[in-house]
C-alpha atoms as a PDB file:
ATOM      1  CA  MET A   1      85.693  88.695  98.257  1.00  0.00           C
ATOM      2  CA  LEU A   2      87.955  91.018  96.292  1.00  0.00           C
ATOM      3  CA  ILE A   3      86.474  89.982  92.937  1.00  0.00           C
ATOM      4  CA  TYR A   4      82.988  90.438  94.385  1.00  0.00           C
ATOM      5  CA  SER A   5      83.902  93.970  95.514  1.00  0.00           C
ATOM      6  CA  ILE A   6      85.361  94.936  92.140  1.00  0.00           C
ATOM      7  CA  THR A   7      82.320  93.512  90.322  1.00  0.00           C
ATOM      8  CA  ASN A   8      79.950  95.476  92.540  1.00  0.00           C
ATOM      9  CA  PHE A   9      81.865  98.696  91.869  1.00  0.00           C
ATOM     10  CA  TRP A  10      81.784  97.999  88.117  1.00  0.00           C
ATOM     11  CA  ILE A  11      78.017  97.395  88.109  1.00  0.00           C
ATOM     12  CA  MET A  12      77.294 100.408  90.316  1.00  0.00           C
ATOM     13  CA  ASN A  13      79.493 102.625  88.169  1.00  0.00           C
ATOM     14  CA  ARG A  14      78.090 101.909  84.708  1.00  0.00           C
ATOM     15  CA  MET A  15      76.418 105.280  85.033  1.00  0.00           C
ATOM     16  CA  THR A  16      79.353 107.131  86.642  1.00  0.00           C
ATOM     17  CA  ARG A  17      82.606 106.356  84.863  1.00  0.00           C
ATOM     18  CA  GLY A  18      84.590 108.679  87.147  1.00  0.00           C
ATOM     19  CA  MET A  19      84.422 106.241  90.042  1.00  0.00           C
ATOM     20  CA  THR A  20      85.398 103.323  87.802  1.00  0.00           C
ATOM     21  CA  ILE A  21      88.681 105.071  87.036  1.00  0.00           C
ATOM     22  CA  LEU A  22      89.246 105.686  90.741  1.00  0.00           C
ATOM     23  CA  VAL A  23      88.598 102.037  91.566  1.00  0.00           C
ATOM     24  CA  SER A  24      90.825 100.780  88.773  1.00  0.00           C
ATOM     25  CA  THR A  25      93.776 102.815  90.117  1.00  0.00           C
ATOM     26  CA  VAL A  26      93.208 102.563  93.863  1.00  0.00           C
ATOM     27  CA  ILE A  27      92.604  98.824  94.211  1.00  0.00           C
ATOM     28  CA  PRO A  28      95.744  97.667  92.317  1.00  0.00           C
ATOM     29  CA  THR A  29      97.866 100.178  94.244  1.00  0.00           C
ATOM     30  CA  THR A  30      96.403  98.982  97.539  1.00  0.00           C
ATOM     31  CA  LEU A  31      97.011  95.359  96.571  1.00  0.00           C
ATOM     32  CA  MET A  32     100.654  96.078  95.688  1.00  0.00           C
ATOM     33  CA  VAL A  33     101.217  97.772  99.056  1.00  0.00           C
ATOM     34  CA  MET A  34      99.529  94.882 100.885  1.00  0.00           C
ATOM     35  CA  MET A  35     101.656  92.297  99.060  1.00  0.00           C
ATOM     36  CA  THR A  36     104.999  93.990  99.819  1.00  0.00           C
ATOM     37  CA  ALA A  37     104.308  95.397 103.294  1.00  0.00           C
ATOM     38  CA  PRO A  38     105.392  93.318 106.284  1.00  0.00           C
ATOM     39  CA  ILE A  39     102.837  92.031 108.751  1.00  0.00           C
ATOM     40  CA  VAL A  40     102.484  94.221 111.826  1.00  0.00           C
ATOM     41  CA  PHE A  41     102.939  92.164 114.996  1.00  0.00           C
ATOM     42  CA  ALA A  42     101.807  93.242 118.441  1.00  0.00           C
ATOM     43  CA  ALA A  43     104.984  94.603 119.989  1.00  0.00           C
ATOM     44  CA  THR A  44     106.069  93.245 123.327  1.00  0.00           C
ATOM     45  CA  PRO A  45     107.896  95.684 125.639  1.00  0.00           C
ATOM     46  CA  PRO A  46     111.427  94.692 124.470  1.00  0.00           C
ATOM     47  CA  PHE A  47     110.402  95.723 120.931  1.00  0.00           C
ATOM     48  CA  THR A  48     108.199  98.759 121.679  1.00  0.00           C
ATOM     49  CA  ILE A  49     110.248 101.845 120.777  1.00  0.00           C
ATOM     50  CA  GLN A  50     110.159 104.827 123.124  1.00  0.00           C
ATOM     51  CA  SER A  51     112.766 107.136 121.561  1.00  0.00           C
ATOM     52  CA  PHE A  52     115.834 107.171 119.318  1.00  0.00           C
ATOM     53  CA  GLY A  53     118.745 109.328 118.232  1.00  0.00           C
ATOM     54  CA  ILE A  54     122.470 109.756 118.635  1.00  0.00           C
ATOM     55  CA  VAL A  55     123.488 109.315 122.272  1.00  0.00           C
ATOM     56  CA  ASP A  56     127.159 109.563 123.247  1.00  0.00           C
ATOM     57  CA  LYS A  57     128.052 109.506 119.524  1.00  0.00           C
ATOM     58  CA  LYS A  58     126.191 106.199 118.964  1.00  0.00           C
ATOM     59  CA  PRO A  59     122.924 105.389 117.161  1.00  0.00           C
ATOM     60  CA  SER A  60     120.604 104.445 120.045  1.00  0.00           C
ATOM     61  CA  MET A  61     117.006 103.576 120.794  1.00  0.00           C
ATOM     62  CA  THR A  62     115.166 103.039 124.034  1.00  0.00           C
ATOM     63  CA  VAL A  63     112.393 100.459 124.361  1.00  0.00           C
ATOM     64  CA  GLN A  64     109.722  99.883 127.011  1.00  0.00           C
ATOM     65  CA  GLY A  65     111.154  96.614 128.293  1.00  0.00           C
ATOM     66  CA  ILE A  66     114.581  95.087 128.674  1.00  0.00           C
ATOM     67  CA  ALA A  67     116.352  95.335 125.300  1.00  0.00           C
ATOM     68  CA  GLY A  68     117.343  91.933 123.964  1.00  0.00           C
ATOM     69  CA  SER A  69     115.434  89.960 126.591  1.00  0.00           C
ATOM     70  CA  GLU A  70     113.644  87.970 123.875  1.00  0.00           C
ATOM     71  CA  ILE A  71     115.434  85.868 121.257  1.00  0.00           C
ATOM     72  CA  PRO A  72     113.908  83.905 118.376  1.00  0.00           C
ATOM     73  CA  ASN A  73     113.523  80.138 118.216  1.00  0.00           C
ATOM     74  CA  MET A  74     114.278  77.895 115.273  1.00  0.00           C
ATOM     75  CA  PRO A  75     110.839  76.998 113.949  1.00  0.00           C
ATOM     76  CA  ASP A  76     109.984  73.473 112.849  1.00  0.00           C
ATOM     77  CA  SER A  77     109.482  74.635 109.260  1.00  0.00           C
ATOM     78  CA  GLY A  78     113.219  75.174 108.730  1.00  0.00           C
ATOM     79  CA  GLU A  79     112.722  78.896 108.195  1.00  0.00           C
ATOM     80  CA  TRP A  80     115.128  80.972 110.275  1.00  0.00           C
ATOM     81  CA  GLU A  81     113.747  83.726 112.465  1.00  0.00           C
ATOM     82  CA  ILE A  82     115.887  86.818 113.036  1.00  0.00           C
ATOM     83  CA  PHE A  83     114.886  89.456 115.588  1.00  0.00           C
ATOM     84  CA  ALA A  84     116.327  92.896 114.870  1.00  0.00           C
ATOM     85  CA  TYR A  85     116.615  96.441 116.137  1.00  0.00           C
ATOM     86  CA  VAL A  86     117.265  98.450 112.945  1.00  0.00           C
ATOM     87  CA  PHE A  87     118.779 101.946 112.674  1.00  0.00           C
ATOM     88  CA  PHE A  88     118.582 104.019 109.457  1.00  0.00           C
ATOM     89  CA  THR A  89     121.480 106.476 109.724  1.00  0.00           C
ATOM     90  CA  ASN A  90     123.441 108.880 107.558  1.00  0.00           C
ATOM     91  CA  ASP A  91     126.176 106.182 107.572  1.00  0.00           C
ATOM     92  CA  GLY A  92     123.911 103.397 106.305  1.00  0.00           C
ATOM     93  CA  ILE A  93     121.598 100.868 107.937  1.00  0.00           C
ATOM     94  CA  TYR A  94     122.697  99.018 111.059  1.00  0.00           C
ATOM     95  CA  ALA A  95     120.863  96.050 112.548  1.00  0.00           C
ATOM     96  CA  VAL A  96     121.371  94.615 116.011  1.00  0.00           C
ATOM     97  CA  THR A  97     120.245  91.008 115.593  1.00  0.00           C
ATOM     98  CA  SER A  98     119.709  87.680 117.285  1.00  0.00           C
ATOM     99  CA  HIS A  99     119.274  84.479 115.288  1.00  0.00           C
ATOM    100  CA  PRO A 100     119.896  80.864 116.271  1.00  0.00           C
ATOM    101  CA  GLU A 101     121.442  78.391 113.834  1.00  0.00           C
ATOM    102  CA  ILE A 102     123.032  81.065 111.595  1.00  0.00           C
ATOM    103  CA  GLU A 103     126.639  81.756 112.504  1.00  0.00           C
ATOM    104  CA  ASP A 104     127.646  84.899 110.593  1.00  0.00           C
ATOM    105  CA  SER A 105     129.433  87.104 113.113  1.00  0.00           C
ATOM    106  CA  ASN A 106     132.742  87.115 114.957  1.00  0.00           C
ATOM    107  CA  GLU A 107     131.357  89.625 117.480  1.00  0.00           C
ATOM    108  CA  VAL A 108     129.812  86.820 119.571  1.00  0.00           C
ATOM    109  CA  LYS A 109     130.451  83.090 119.936  1.00  0.00           C
ATOM    110  CA  ASN A 110     126.764  82.178 119.535  1.00  0.00           C
ATOM    111  CA  ASP A 111     124.764  84.285 117.072  1.00  0.00           C
ATOM    112  CA  SER A 112     121.600  83.930 119.118  1.00  0.00           C
ATOM    113  CA  ASP A 113     123.473  86.455 121.307  1.00  0.00           C
ATOM    114  CA  TRP A 114     122.761  89.998 120.127  1.00  0.00           C
ATOM    115  CA  HIS A 115     125.310  91.396 117.657  1.00  0.00           C
ATOM    116  CA  ALA A 116     125.516  94.086 114.953  1.00  0.00           C
ATOM    117  CA  HIS A 117     125.653  94.113 111.161  1.00  0.00           C
ATOM    118  CA  LYS A 118     125.718  96.927 108.639  1.00  0.00           C
ATOM    119  CA  VAL A 119     123.141  95.907 106.026  1.00  0.00           C
ATOM    120  CA  GLN A 120     121.652  96.916 102.702  1.00  0.00           C
ATOM    121  CA  LEU A 121     117.967  96.330 102.024  1.00  0.00           C
ATOM    122  CA  ASN A 122     116.278  96.029  98.633  1.00  0.00           C
ATOM    123  CA  ASP A 123     112.800  97.354  97.743  1.00  0.00           C
ATOM    124  CA  GLU A 124     111.151  94.261  99.277  1.00  0.00           C
ATOM    125  CA  ASN A 125     112.964  94.824 102.609  1.00  0.00           C
ATOM    126  CA  CYS A 126     115.260  91.851 102.048  1.00  0.00           C
ATOM    127  CA  ILE A 127     118.872  91.973 103.205  1.00  0.00           C
ATOM    128  CA  ILE A 128     120.993  91.915 100.056  1.00  0.00           C
ATOM    129  CA  ASP A 129     124.324  92.664 101.731  1.00  0.00           C
ATOM    130  CA  ARG A 130     125.640  92.559 105.284  1.00  0.00           C
ATOM    131  CA  ASN A 131     128.994  92.931 106.976  1.00  0.00           C
ATOM    132  CA  GLU A 132     130.366  93.029 110.485  1.00  0.00           C
ATOM    133  CA  LYS A 133     130.624  96.792 110.883  1.00  0.00           C
ATOM    134  CA  GLY A 134     129.394  98.138 114.185  1.00  0.00           C
ATOM    135  CA  LYS A 135     129.213  96.554 117.601  1.00  0.00           C
ATOM    136  CA  ALA A 136     125.997  95.927 119.541  1.00  0.00           C
ATOM    137  CA  LEU A 137     125.508  97.330 123.011  1.00  0.00           C
ATOM    138  CA  LEU A 138     122.375  96.401 124.986  1.00  0.00           C
ATOM    139  CA  ASP A 139     122.022  97.936 128.428  1.00  0.00           C
ATOM    140  CA  GLY A 140     118.703  97.918 130.291  1.00  0.00           C
ATOM    141  CA  ASN A 141     116.121  99.414 127.954  1.00  0.00           C
ATOM    142  CA  THR A 142     118.683 100.836 125.493  1.00  0.00           C
ATOM    143  CA  VAL A 143     120.078  99.379 122.267  1.00  0.00           C
ATOM    144  CA  SER A 144     123.084 101.121 120.685  1.00  0.00           C
ATOM    145  CA  VAL A 145     125.523 100.483 117.879  1.00  0.00           C
ATOM    146  CA  GLN A 146     129.122 101.353 118.613  1.00  0.00           C
ATOM    147  CA  GLN A 147     131.947 101.810 116.093  1.00  0.00           C
ATOM    148  CA  THR A 148     129.969 103.602 113.375  1.00  0.00           C
ATOM    149  CA  LYS A 149     130.463 106.948 111.668  1.00  0.00           C
ATOM    150  CA  ALA A 150     126.776 107.864 112.063  1.00  0.00           C
ATOM    151  CA  THR A 151     125.922 111.360 113.255  1.00  0.00           C
ATOM    152  CA  ALA A 152     122.150 111.170 112.635  1.00  0.00           C
ATOM    153  CA  VAL A 153     119.390 108.556 112.899  1.00  0.00           C
ATOM    154  CA  THR A 154     116.376 109.177 110.654  1.00  0.00           C
ATOM    155  CA  LYS A 155     114.287 106.098 111.392  1.00  0.00           C
ATOM    156  CA  VAL A 156     114.294 102.986 113.582  1.00  0.00           C
ATOM    157  CA  LEU A 157     112.301  99.800 113.611  1.00  0.00           C
ATOM    158  CA  THR A 158     112.046  96.548 115.487  1.00  0.00           C
ATOM    159  CA  GLY A 159     111.055  93.504 113.519  1.00  0.00           C
ATOM    160  CA  GLU A 160     111.371  89.891 112.590  1.00  0.00           C
ATOM    161  CA  PHE A 161     113.234  88.848 109.478  1.00  0.00           C
ATOM    162  CA  ALA A 162     112.853  85.340 108.074  1.00  0.00           C
ATOM    163  CA  ALA A 163     115.020  83.318 105.702  1.00  0.00           C
ATOM    164  CA  ASP A 164     115.068  79.886 104.176  1.00  0.00           C
ATOM    165  CA  GLU A 165     118.456  78.275 103.660  1.00  0.00           C
ATOM    166  CA  GLY A 166     120.198  79.837 100.674  1.00  0.00           C
ATOM    167  CA  LYS A 167     117.762  82.766 100.395  1.00  0.00           C
ATOM    168  CA  ASP A 168     117.937  86.400 101.493  1.00  0.00           C
ATOM    169  CA  ALA A 169     116.510  87.273 104.894  1.00  0.00           C
ATOM    170  CA  CYS A 170     113.411  89.454 104.423  1.00  0.00           C
ATOM    171  CA  LEU A 171     111.398  91.552 106.859  1.00  0.00           C
ATOM    172  CA  GLU A 172     108.447  89.336 107.696  1.00  0.00           C
ATOM    173  CA  GLY A 173     106.900  91.240 110.555  1.00  0.00           C
ATOM    174  CA  LEU A 174     107.172  94.680 112.058  1.00  0.00           C
ATOM    175  CA  PHE A 175     106.955  95.091 115.832  1.00  0.00           C
ATOM    176  CA  ASP A 176     107.309  98.891 115.899  1.00  0.00           C
ATOM    177  CA  SER A 177     108.825 101.787 113.950  1.00  0.00           C
ATOM    178  CA  LYS A 178     109.483 105.490 114.480  1.00  0.00           C
ATOM    179  CA  GLU A 179     110.597 108.300 112.176  1.00  0.00           C
END
């Protein structure tokens, strides 16, 4: 379908070269964005963001439903699912996560329980570094990260990261985001 569309534009534009230039720059740019952008999932209430900011000196967000009431399952494919509430702050990026089968935190005994990480993301939204800074707090419809030095939150998102064994976890789907 894409090749058909480009061919039609090329044939239609033999007389008007201006549009051919537009097509040759817009379509590749659009394709690059589509290839790197995560899928947008329909957000369920626990992942639908209502508001965010610093509340009681903690990065916080409120959601429509009960925060943390959904946790991911281990799919049959062997790919790990990681649900996350992510805070972009002036002290770095913090993620409150739940993921079965991956034990990477001392904050909780079972890492399917919600816990916090300070993370770094690369240009493809893959986690390239994480540590145990911060502590997750889920209370009703609020998710917060304690024990940070953040004084401002610029953006938040809720999403699903996925990882195969031995590979970086990458944002696979976006439930919601706010800036």
